[in-house]
Structure formats: structure tokens, C-alpha cells
C-alpha atoms as a PDB file:
ATOM      1  CA  MET A   1      91.686 109.132 128.344  1.00  0.00           C
ATOM      2  CA  PRO A   2      95.091 108.281 126.810  1.00  0.00           C
ATOM      3  CA  GLN A   3      95.339 108.587 123.040  1.00  0.00           C
ATOM      4  CA  GLN A   4      97.731 107.778 120.218  1.00  0.00           C
ATOM      5  CA  PHE A   5      98.301 110.164 117.324  1.00  0.00           C
ATOM      6  CA  LEU A   6      99.528 109.709 113.776  1.00  0.00           C
ATOM      7  CA  ILE A   7     100.032 112.666 111.439  1.00  0.00           C
ATOM      8  CA  VAL A   8      99.897 112.121 107.683  1.00  0.00           C
ATOM      9  CA  LEU A   9     101.467 114.839 105.532  1.00  0.00           C
ATOM     10  CA  GLU A  10     101.088 114.987 101.772  1.00  0.00           C
ATOM     11  CA  LYS A  11     104.446 115.602 100.077  1.00  0.00           C
ATOM     12  CA  CYS A  12     105.487 116.354  96.497  1.00  0.00           C
ATOM     13  CA  VAL A  13     107.988 113.603  95.640  1.00  0.00           C
ATOM     14  CA  GLU A  14     110.165 113.448  92.532  1.00  0.00           C
ATOM     15  CA  GLN A  15     110.173 110.081  90.775  1.00  0.00           C
ATOM     16  CA  ASP A  16     113.161 108.479  89.015  1.00  0.00           C
ATOM     17  CA  ASP A  17     111.836 109.633  85.629  1.00  0.00           C
ATOM     18  CA  GLY A  18     111.722 113.280  86.796  1.00  0.00           C
ATOM     19  CA  SER A  19     107.941 113.393  87.208  1.00  0.00           C
ATOM     20  CA  ASN A  20     106.343 114.401  90.504  1.00  0.00           C
ATOM     21  CA  GLU A  21     103.648 112.671  92.538  1.00  0.00           C
ATOM     22  CA  ILE A  22     101.863 113.355  95.794  1.00  0.00           C
ATOM     23  CA  TRP A  23     102.793 110.827  98.489  1.00  0.00           C
ATOM     24  CA  SER A  24     101.902 110.530 102.178  1.00  0.00           C
ATOM     25  CA  GLN A  25     104.566 110.769 104.892  1.00  0.00           C
ATOM     26  CA  PHE A  26     104.000 109.758 108.535  1.00  0.00           C
ATOM     27  CA  LYS A  27     104.863 111.466 111.805  1.00  0.00           C
ATOM     28  CA  CYS A  28     104.273 109.405 114.929  1.00  0.00           C
ATOM     29  CA  SER A  29     106.017 107.723 117.813  1.00  0.00           C
ATOM     30  CA  ASP A  30     107.920 104.500 117.198  1.00  0.00           C
ATOM     31  CA  SER A  31     105.316 102.560 119.194  1.00  0.00           C
ATOM     32  CA  VAL A  32     102.445 103.905 117.058  1.00  0.00           C
ATOM     33  CA  PHE A  33     104.370 103.120 113.862  1.00  0.00           C
ATOM     34  CA  GLU A  34     104.956  99.562 115.049  1.00  0.00           C
ATOM     35  CA  TYR A  35     101.296  99.145 116.068  1.00  0.00           C
ATOM     36  CA  VAL A  36      99.923 100.419 112.744  1.00  0.00           C
ATOM     37  CA  PHE A  37     102.370  98.787 110.337  1.00  0.00           C
ATOM     38  CA  GLY A  38     103.522  95.773 112.349  1.00  0.00           C
ATOM     39  CA  ILE A  39     107.222  96.562 111.893  1.00  0.00           C
ATOM     40  CA  GLU A  40     109.821  98.601 113.745  1.00  0.00           C
ATOM     41  CA  TYR A  41     110.566 102.065 112.367  1.00  0.00           C
ATOM     42  CA  PRO A  42     113.246 101.442 109.734  1.00  0.00           C
ATOM     43  CA  THR A  43     116.674 103.052 109.852  1.00  0.00           C
ATOM     44  CA  GLY A  44     119.548 102.998 107.401  1.00  0.00           C
ATOM     45  CA  THR A  45     117.316 103.008 104.327  1.00  0.00           C
ATOM     46  CA  THR A  46     118.131 104.329 100.868  1.00  0.00           C
ATOM     47  CA  ALA A  47     115.848 106.548  98.805  1.00  0.00           C
ATOM     48  CA  GLY A  48     113.357 104.581  96.756  1.00  0.00           C
ATOM     49  CA  GLU A  49     113.807 101.398  98.770  1.00  0.00           C
ATOM     50  CA  ARG A  50     110.600  99.522  99.532  1.00  0.00           C
ATOM     51  CA  ILE A  51     110.561  99.080 103.294  1.00  0.00           C
ATOM     52  CA  ALA A  52     107.566  96.798 103.641  1.00  0.00           C
ATOM     53  CA  ARG A  53     104.379  95.529 102.039  1.00  0.00           C
ATOM     54  CA  ILE A  54     101.567  95.696 104.587  1.00  0.00           C
ATOM     55  CA  PRO A  55      98.501  93.518 103.890  1.00  0.00           C
ATOM     56  CA  THR A  56      95.214  95.324 104.547  1.00  0.00           C
ATOM     57  CA  SER A  57      91.557  94.441 104.194  1.00  0.00           C
ATOM     58  CA  GLY A  58      91.446  95.765 100.625  1.00  0.00           C
ATOM     59  CA  ALA A  59      94.924  95.790  99.096  1.00  0.00           C
ATOM     60  CA  ASN A  60      98.576  95.833 100.022  1.00  0.00           C
ATOM     61  CA  LEU A  61     100.105  99.076 101.295  1.00  0.00           C
ATOM     62  CA  ASP A  62     103.711  99.581 100.213  1.00  0.00           C
ATOM     63  CA  LEU A  63     106.002 101.691 102.407  1.00  0.00           C
ATOM     64  CA  TYR A  64     109.047 103.338 100.832  1.00  0.00           C
ATOM     65  CA  ALA A  65     111.983 105.476 101.867  1.00  0.00           C
ATOM     66  CA  GLY A  66     111.055 108.672 100.032  1.00  0.00           C
ATOM     67  CA  ILE A  67     112.784 111.993  99.476  1.00  0.00           C
ATOM     68  CA  GLU A  68     111.019 115.337  99.814  1.00  0.00           C
ATOM     69  CA  ARG A  69     112.674 118.248  98.030  1.00  0.00           C
ATOM     70  CA  ILE A  70     112.645 121.627  99.803  1.00  0.00           C
ATOM     71  CA  PHE A  71     112.817 124.691  97.531  1.00  0.00           C
ATOM     72  CA  ASN A  72     113.765 128.300  98.166  1.00  0.00           C
ATOM     73  CA  LYS A  73     111.737 131.182  96.706  1.00  0.00           C
ATOM     74  CA  ASN A  74     113.763 131.017  93.459  1.00  0.00           C
ATOM     75  CA  GLY A  75     112.895 127.384  92.825  1.00  0.00           C
ATOM     76  CA  GLN A  76     116.288 125.984  93.788  1.00  0.00           C
ATOM     77  CA  VAL A  77     116.463 122.811  95.857  1.00  0.00           C
ATOM     78  CA  VAL A  78     117.967 123.798  99.210  1.00  0.00           C
ATOM     79  CA  SER A  79     117.588 120.496 101.033  1.00  0.00           C
ATOM     80  CA  LYS A  80     116.202 117.009 100.758  1.00  0.00           C
ATOM     81  CA  LEU A  81     114.474 115.244 103.627  1.00  0.00           C
ATOM     82  CA  LYS A  82     114.106 111.478 103.809  1.00  0.00           C
ATOM     83  CA  GLY A  83     111.077 109.852 105.387  1.00  0.00           C
ATOM     84  CA  ILE A  84     108.870 106.781 105.233  1.00  0.00           C
ATOM     85  CA  MET A  85     106.134 107.342 102.641  1.00  0.00           C
ATOM     86  CA  THR A  86     103.417 105.640 100.642  1.00  0.00           C
ATOM     87  CA  ASN A  87     101.520 106.517  97.488  1.00  0.00           C
ATOM     88  CA  GLY A  88      98.500 104.467  98.601  1.00  0.00           C
ATOM     89  CA  SER A  89      96.443 107.090 100.455  1.00  0.00           C
ATOM     90  CA  TRP A  90      93.095 105.290 100.321  1.00  0.00           C
ATOM     91  CA  THR A  91      94.653 102.010 101.468  1.00  0.00           C
ATOM     92  CA  LEU A  92      96.439 103.901 104.262  1.00  0.00           C
ATOM     93  CA  PHE A  93      93.159 105.435 105.457  1.00  0.00           C
ATOM     94  CA  GLN A  94      91.513 101.990 105.429  1.00  0.00           C
ATOM     95  CA  LEU A  95      94.388 100.553 107.484  1.00  0.00           C
ATOM     96  CA  LEU A  96      94.167 103.386 110.019  1.00  0.00           C
ATOM     97  CA  SER A  97      90.423 102.832 110.337  1.00  0.00           C
ATOM     98  CA  ASP A  98      90.954  99.086 110.807  1.00  0.00           C
ATOM     99  CA  LYS A  99      93.447  99.897 113.598  1.00  0.00           C
ATOM    100  CA  GLY A 100      90.921 102.136 115.399  1.00  0.00           C
ATOM    101  CA  PHE A 101      92.185 105.555 114.276  1.00  0.00           C
ATOM    102  CA  LYS A 102      89.741 108.327 113.414  1.00  0.00           C
ATOM    103  CA  LEU A 103      90.383 111.545 111.520  1.00  0.00           C
ATOM    104  CA  ALA A 104      90.551 114.291 114.163  1.00  0.00           C
ATOM    105  CA  GLU A 105      91.611 117.240 112.028  1.00  0.00           C
ATOM    106  CA  GLN A 106      92.845 118.167 108.592  1.00  0.00           C
ATOM    107  CA  ARG A 107      94.220 121.377 107.175  1.00  0.00           C
ATOM    108  CA  ASN A 108      96.082 122.717 104.168  1.00  0.00           C
ATOM    109  CA  TYR A 109      99.626 123.440 105.265  1.00  0.00           C
ATOM    110  CA  ASP A 110     101.491 124.260 102.054  1.00  0.00           C
ATOM    111  CA  VAL A 111     101.119 124.837  98.329  1.00  0.00           C
ATOM    112  CA  VAL A 112     103.189 122.921  95.777  1.00  0.00           C
ATOM    113  CA  GLN A 113     105.659 125.137  93.953  1.00  0.00           C
ATOM    114  CA  PHE A 114     108.231 124.315  91.292  1.00  0.00           C
ATOM    115  CA  CYS A 115     106.794 120.830  90.610  1.00  0.00           C
ATOM    116  CA  SER A 116     105.615 121.170  87.005  1.00  0.00           C
ATOM    117  CA  THR A 117     101.979 120.120  86.614  1.00  0.00           C
ATOM    118  CA  LEU A 118     101.332 120.107  90.385  1.00  0.00           C
ATOM    119  CA  ASN A 119     102.078 123.825  90.856  1.00  0.00           C
ATOM    120  CA  GLY A 120      99.414 125.437  93.015  1.00  0.00           C
ATOM    121  CA  ARG A 121      98.061 122.182  94.463  1.00  0.00           C
ATOM    122  CA  LYS A 122      97.357 122.476  98.159  1.00  0.00           C
ATOM    123  CA  LEU A 123      98.950 119.854 100.391  1.00  0.00           C
ATOM    124  CA  VAL A 124      96.986 118.453 103.315  1.00  0.00           C
ATOM    125  CA  GLU A 125      98.028 117.508 106.836  1.00  0.00           C
ATOM    126  CA  ARG A 126      95.716 114.982 108.496  1.00  0.00           C
ATOM    127  CA  ILE A 127      95.798 114.119 112.186  1.00  0.00           C
ATOM    128  CA  PHE A 128      94.452 110.716 113.179  1.00  0.00           C
ATOM    129  CA  VAL A 129      93.756 109.754 116.789  1.00  0.00           C
ATOM    130  CA  ARG A 130      93.004 106.494 118.582  1.00  0.00           C
ATOM    131  CA  ASP A 131      91.686 106.125 122.124  1.00  0.00           C
ATOM    132  CA  LEU A 132      93.550 103.594 124.230  1.00  0.00           C
END
């Protein structure tokens, strides 16, 4: 049976005020992104830009162009990766459920380092699947 997959990765994201929060970033095909969020995958965005506000059954889910900082073992930022993110995890999970996705697997894939109060927090990767 054909299936669609969407991977949600927790990321440590630095805010404008220098604080850090855990946000969710998506990995999926363009067609899955469009099905779930009702918009085409955005390009040409700037960090911090709100991409869309998606109405759900409980609340609105805001999508942003976020920046993930990648550190070396000495705590220096070696690269920054941009991706579409949200800080509304529960609302995201509700939306995925409403769209027919089920949690297939989850695992810890990394530990936060060099992010002040979040040091040592385990980050989770969740794989959602939907039968076609």
C-alpha cells in the first residue's frame, strides 16, 4: 500500500533576544507539505519570517523560516541551516492527525549542547505516516 511520510525534528533555535527554544522542523516531499499545510513549499524566505498561519481544529499553527545553529565540539557555531519550523508542537500533531497521519516511530537523535538552560535536553525525531 502506498504511503506518505513526514518527519518532524526538534531543533534548538535561537530567538532574537538571545534565548533558545525548542521548535519543530519538517522533512517531507513537496506534495506532502502542500497536502498537510495547504501551501506550496516556500522559497526565498528570510529568517524569522512568518510563512503562513494554518487554521486547525483547535488553534492556528504558525509556520516560520527558522535558523538552526550547528556547533562544533568547542561550542563555536560552524554553520546555520534554514528550514520551515513551528513552535506549536501540539497543534502540529493535531493537524497531522486530522490529515490522517499516525506516529510510526520516534527516537532521540541528538542532545542539546551550548544552548544555556537547554543543555542536556534530548531532541526527538518523529516519523509520521499516512496510507494512501
